[in-house]
Amino acid sequence: MPMDPPTPLQVHTGVHGVVRDATTGEALQDRRATIAVAGRGHAVHSGDAGHFWRLLIPGDYTVTVSATGYEPSSHQVTVKSITP
């Protein structure tokens, strides 16, 4: 059966990084941080050495990072569209 060519999809777009102590600059290794996106119900947690990845479609977001013993920190981020 004939079919139309596949439409290019964006995969693996979002935000990622390392959660660090604001004073020392060291990655959080002894506790997990929660990374929440305003208006989205699913938060993610940092893994080993503070690394995190949150898949998001292109757009503007407010991302809040929190961890026990630290003040929450919010950041405005833009996820850009990937062009093939």
C-alpha atoms as a PDB file:
ATOM      1  CA  MET A   1       0.000   0.000   0.000  1.00  0.00           C
ATOM      2  CA  PRO A   2       1.489   3.423  -0.935  1.00  0.00           C
ATOM      3  CA  MET A   3       2.047   5.978   1.785  1.00  0.00           C
ATOM      4  CA  ASP A   4       3.128   9.585   2.052  1.00  0.00           C
ATOM      5  CA  PRO A   5       6.741  10.217   3.028  1.00  0.00           C
ATOM      6  CA  PRO A   6       7.153  10.497   6.785  1.00  0.00           C
ATOM      7  CA  THR A   7       6.967  13.938   8.333  1.00  0.00           C
ATOM      8  CA  PRO A   8      10.176  14.913  10.138  1.00  0.00           C
ATOM      9  CA  LEU A   9       9.669  14.809  13.886  1.00  0.00           C
ATOM     10  CA  GLN A  10      11.481  16.693  16.565  1.00  0.00           C
ATOM     11  CA  VAL A  11      12.927  14.312  19.075  1.00  0.00           C
ATOM     12  CA  HIS A  12      14.800  14.978  22.256  1.00  0.00           C
ATOM     13  CA  THR A  13      13.979  18.656  22.533  1.00  0.00           C
ATOM     14  CA  GLY A  14      13.778  20.142  25.976  1.00  0.00           C
ATOM     15  CA  VAL A  15      16.016  21.326  28.782  1.00  0.00           C
ATOM     16  CA  HIS A  16      18.952  19.584  30.373  1.00  0.00           C
ATOM     17  CA  GLY A  17      21.819  20.425  32.634  1.00  0.00           C
ATOM     18  CA  VAL A  18      23.462  19.904  35.983  1.00  0.00           C
ATOM     19  CA  VAL A  19      22.014  21.139  39.269  1.00  0.00           C
ATOM     20  CA  ARG A  20      24.769  22.891  41.253  1.00  0.00           C
ATOM     21  CA  ASP A  21      25.166  24.492  44.648  1.00  0.00           C
ATOM     22  CA  ALA A  22      25.011  28.267  44.014  1.00  0.00           C
ATOM     23  CA  THR A  23      27.755  29.004  46.557  1.00  0.00           C
ATOM     24  CA  THR A  24      30.334  26.327  45.759  1.00  0.00           C
ATOM     25  CA  GLY A  25      29.464  25.555  42.137  1.00  0.00           C
ATOM     26  CA  GLU A  26      29.647  21.847  42.968  1.00  0.00           C
ATOM     27  CA  ALA A  27      27.080  19.498  41.427  1.00  0.00           C
ATOM     28  CA  LEU A  28      24.493  18.150  43.874  1.00  0.00           C
ATOM     29  CA  GLN A  29      25.599  14.587  44.443  1.00  0.00           C
ATOM     30  CA  ASP A  30      24.273  13.723  47.875  1.00  0.00           C
ATOM     31  CA  ARG A  31      20.634  14.660  47.258  1.00  0.00           C
ATOM     32  CA  ARG A  32      18.167  14.657  44.411  1.00  0.00           C
ATOM     33  CA  ALA A  33      16.736  17.882  43.058  1.00  0.00           C
ATOM     34  CA  THR A  34      13.252  18.211  41.598  1.00  0.00           C
ATOM     35  CA  ILE A  35      12.920  20.016  38.275  1.00  0.00           C
ATOM     36  CA  ALA A  36       9.352  21.240  37.666  1.00  0.00           C
ATOM     37  CA  VAL A  37       7.933  23.107  34.677  1.00  0.00           C
ATOM     38  CA  ALA A  38       5.065  25.528  35.374  1.00  0.00           C
ATOM     39  CA  GLY A  39       1.823  24.303  33.826  1.00  0.00           C
ATOM     40  CA  ARG A  40       3.114  20.744  33.355  1.00  0.00           C
ATOM     41  CA  GLY A  41       2.146  17.968  35.732  1.00  0.00           C
ATOM     42  CA  HIS A  42       5.270  15.849  35.408  1.00  0.00           C
ATOM     43  CA  ALA A  43       8.412  16.821  37.325  1.00  0.00           C
ATOM     44  CA  VAL A  44      11.751  15.092  36.861  1.00  0.00           C
ATOM     45  CA  HIS A  45      14.557  14.485  39.331  1.00  0.00           C
ATOM     46  CA  SER A  46      18.272  14.927  38.979  1.00  0.00           C
ATOM     47  CA  GLY A  47      20.368  11.803  38.850  1.00  0.00           C
ATOM     48  CA  ASP A  48      23.994  11.051  39.581  1.00  0.00           C
ATOM     49  CA  ALA A  49      26.162  14.143  39.767  1.00  0.00           C
ATOM     50  CA  GLY A  50      23.103  16.435  39.481  1.00  0.00           C
ATOM     51  CA  HIS A  51      22.332  15.704  35.826  1.00  0.00           C
ATOM     52  CA  PHE A  52      18.767  16.130  34.537  1.00  0.00           C
ATOM     53  CA  TRP A  53      16.838  16.062  31.261  1.00  0.00           C
ATOM     54  CA  ARG A  54      13.231  17.221  30.709  1.00  0.00           C
ATOM     55  CA  LEU A  55      11.636  16.676  27.311  1.00  0.00           C
ATOM     56  CA  LEU A  56       9.557  19.651  26.150  1.00  0.00           C
ATOM     57  CA  ILE A  57       8.122  20.827  22.869  1.00  0.00           C
ATOM     58  CA  PRO A  58       9.389  24.171  21.547  1.00  0.00           C
ATOM     59  CA  GLY A  59       8.105  27.137  23.549  1.00  0.00           C
ATOM     60  CA  ASP A  60       8.736  29.369  26.557  1.00  0.00           C
ATOM     61  CA  TYR A  61       8.708  27.868  30.047  1.00  0.00           C
ATOM     62  CA  THR A  62       9.334  28.655  33.702  1.00  0.00           C
ATOM     63  CA  VAL A  63      11.508  25.913  35.197  1.00  0.00           C
ATOM     64  CA  THR A  64      11.870  25.638  38.980  1.00  0.00           C
ATOM     65  CA  VAL A  65      14.594  23.604  40.642  1.00  0.00           C
ATOM     66  CA  SER A  66      14.248  22.627  44.305  1.00  0.00           C
ATOM     67  CA  ALA A  67      16.132  20.377  46.711  1.00  0.00           C
ATOM     68  CA  THR A  68      16.071  19.775  50.453  1.00  0.00           C
ATOM     69  CA  GLY A  69      18.218  22.353  52.228  1.00  0.00           C
ATOM     70  CA  TYR A  70      18.160  24.838  49.317  1.00  0.00           C
ATOM     71  CA  GLU A  71      15.910  27.708  48.284  1.00  0.00           C
ATOM     72  CA  PRO A  72      13.952  26.957  45.078  1.00  0.00           C
ATOM     73  CA  SER A  73      15.315  28.673  41.980  1.00  0.00           C
ATOM     74  CA  SER A  74      13.143  29.573  38.960  1.00  0.00           C
ATOM     75  CA  HIS A  75      14.399  30.309  35.456  1.00  0.00           C
ATOM     76  CA  GLN A  76      12.743  31.434  32.218  1.00  0.00           C
ATOM     77  CA  VAL A  77      13.822  29.177  29.345  1.00  0.00           C
ATOM     78  CA  THR A  78      13.045  28.917  25.649  1.00  0.00           C
ATOM     79  CA  VAL A  79      13.108  25.560  23.881  1.00  0.00           C
ATOM     80  CA  LYS A  80      13.841  26.244  20.241  1.00  0.00           C
ATOM     81  CA  SER A  81      12.618  24.273  17.275  1.00  0.00           C
ATOM     82  CA  ILE A  82      15.121  21.949  15.621  1.00  0.00           C
ATOM     83  CA  THR A  83      15.275  22.422  11.863  1.00  0.00           C
ATOM     84  CA  PRO A  84      16.301  19.407   9.798  1.00  0.00           C
END
